[in-house]
Amino acid sequence: RILCAGAGSSALGILELTAQYIAKETGMTEEEARKKFYVLDSKGLIGTGRKGLNVDKAMFVADAPDQLDLLEAAKFSKPHILFGCSTIGGLFTDEVLKEVASHHDNPLIMPLSN
């Protein structure tokens, strides 16, 4: 599972390439791969019931409650990978990082924010 803080063009590009890679390596479809992604925009997790999304964001609607914050999304999704692709600093708090680490021995944490 992948959790991404940020849903701008850079984040969605990274996620789309990641979905393509997962599909190639595992034999699942890109759509199946995207179902393991949890993406947060400025309103929170892009979850079930979110309206008014552009086509690019709509591909990443998670089967999860809408508008969870990053910590709540980490608790819900138990991600193996955490991407930071947001212009908002300070999102990767100790609490968020500990939550991610509590589910996996070696989570991949990538703060790619600009």
Protein backbone atom coordinates (compact mmCIF):
# COMPACT_ATOMS: atom_id res chain seq x y z
CA ARG A 1 0.00 0.00 0.00
CA ILE A 2 1.15 3.50 -0.84
CA LEU A 3 0.17 6.69 0.96
CA CYS A 4 0.90 9.98 -0.79
CA ALA A 5 0.64 13.42 0.79
CA GLY A 6 -0.02 15.60 -2.23
CA ALA A 7 -2.15 15.33 -5.35
CA GLY A 8 -0.66 17.88 -7.71
CA SER A 9 0.69 17.08 -11.14
CA SER A 10 4.07 15.90 -9.81
CA ALA A 11 2.50 13.58 -7.25
CA LEU A 12 0.02 12.13 -9.73
CA GLY A 13 2.81 11.62 -12.26
CA ILE A 14 4.91 9.75 -9.70
CA LEU A 15 1.92 7.65 -8.71
CA GLU A 16 1.02 6.85 -12.30
CA LEU A 17 4.58 5.70 -13.03
CA THR A 18 4.50 3.66 -9.83
CA ALA A 19 1.22 2.01 -10.90
CA GLN A 20 2.75 1.18 -14.28
CA TYR A 21 5.81 -0.35 -12.61
CA ILE A 22 3.74 -2.41 -10.17
CA ALA A 23 1.56 -3.66 -13.02
CA LYS A 24 4.59 -4.67 -15.08
CA GLU A 25 6.33 -6.41 -12.18
CA THR A 26 3.33 -8.21 -10.69
CA GLY A 27 1.02 -8.89 -13.61
CA MET A 28 -1.86 -6.95 -12.07
CA THR A 29 -3.48 -4.17 -14.04
CA GLU A 30 -2.66 -0.51 -13.42
CA GLU A 31 -6.20 -0.07 -12.11
CA GLU A 32 -5.66 -2.88 -9.60
CA ALA A 33 -2.37 -1.30 -8.54
CA ARG A 34 -4.03 2.12 -8.06
CA LYS A 35 -6.53 0.54 -5.65
CA LYS A 36 -3.63 0.13 -3.21
CA PHE A 37 -2.88 3.87 -3.30
CA TYR A 38 -4.17 6.40 -0.78
CA VAL A 39 -3.75 10.00 -1.93
CA LEU A 40 -4.31 13.20 0.05
CA ASP A 41 -5.05 16.53 -1.55
CA SER A 42 -5.68 19.86 0.19
CA LYS A 43 -8.96 18.50 1.61
CA GLY A 44 -7.50 15.25 2.93
CA LEU A 45 -7.68 11.69 1.72
CA ILE A 46 -9.40 11.34 -1.65
CA GLY A 47 -11.92 8.76 -0.52
CA THR A 48 -15.29 7.31 -1.34
CA GLY A 49 -17.94 9.87 -2.15
CA ARG A 50 -15.62 12.74 -3.12
CA LYS A 51 -17.28 14.88 -5.78
CA GLY A 52 -15.86 17.33 -8.31
CA LEU A 53 -12.52 15.63 -8.94
CA ASN A 54 -10.64 16.12 -12.16
CA VAL A 55 -10.00 13.05 -14.27
CA ASP A 56 -6.45 12.58 -12.97
CA LYS A 57 -7.41 12.64 -9.29
CA ALA A 58 -10.50 10.51 -9.93
CA MET A 59 -8.24 7.57 -10.84
CA PHE A 60 -6.96 7.56 -7.25
CA VAL A 61 -10.18 7.54 -5.22
CA ALA A 62 -9.54 5.15 -2.34
CA ASP A 63 -12.09 2.75 -0.91
CA ALA A 64 -11.83 4.66 2.37
CA PRO A 65 -13.51 7.47 4.25
CA ASP A 66 -13.12 10.81 2.49
CA GLN A 67 -11.03 13.67 3.87
CA LEU A 68 -8.99 11.81 6.51
CA ASP A 69 -5.89 13.72 7.57
CA LEU A 70 -2.43 12.21 7.04
CA LEU A 71 -2.24 10.48 10.43
CA GLU A 72 -5.77 9.08 10.11
CA ALA A 73 -4.98 7.92 6.56
CA ALA A 74 -1.78 6.22 7.79
CA LYS A 75 -3.75 4.42 10.50
CA PHE A 76 -6.40 3.35 7.98
CA SER A 77 -4.13 2.30 5.11
CA LYS A 78 -1.09 0.90 6.99
CA PRO A 79 1.18 1.90 4.09
CA HIS A 80 4.42 0.23 3.05
CA ILE A 81 5.45 3.43 1.25
CA LEU A 82 4.89 7.07 2.22
CA PHE A 83 5.45 9.72 -0.45
CA GLY A 84 5.52 13.42 0.40
CA CYS A 85 4.71 15.51 -2.67
CA SER A 86 3.16 18.56 -1.08
CA THR A 87 4.17 22.19 -0.76
CA ILE A 88 3.07 22.12 2.88
CA GLY A 89 5.99 21.57 5.23
CA GLY A 90 5.90 19.62 8.46
CA LEU A 91 3.44 16.93 7.36
CA PHE A 92 5.75 14.06 8.29
CA THR A 93 5.47 14.47 12.05
CA ASP A 94 6.99 12.02 14.51
CA GLU A 95 3.50 10.68 15.12
CA VAL A 96 2.89 10.00 11.41
CA LEU A 97 6.30 8.37 10.96
CA LYS A 98 5.85 6.19 14.04
CA GLU A 99 2.43 5.12 12.78
CA VAL A 100 3.84 4.09 9.41
CA ALA A 101 6.76 2.28 11.09
CA SER A 102 4.41 0.45 13.47
CA HIS A 103 3.08 -1.67 10.61
CA HIS A 104 6.30 -2.52 8.76
CA ASP A 105 9.90 -3.20 9.73
CA ASN A 106 11.35 -1.19 6.83
CA PRO A 107 8.81 1.24 5.36
CA LEU A 108 9.97 3.36 2.44
CA ILE A 109 9.54 7.03 3.30
CA MET A 110 10.21 9.51 0.51
CA PRO A 111 9.86 13.23 1.30
CA LEU A 112 9.85 14.60 -2.25
CA SER A 113 8.19 17.92 -1.43
CA ASN A 114 9.47 21.08 -3.01
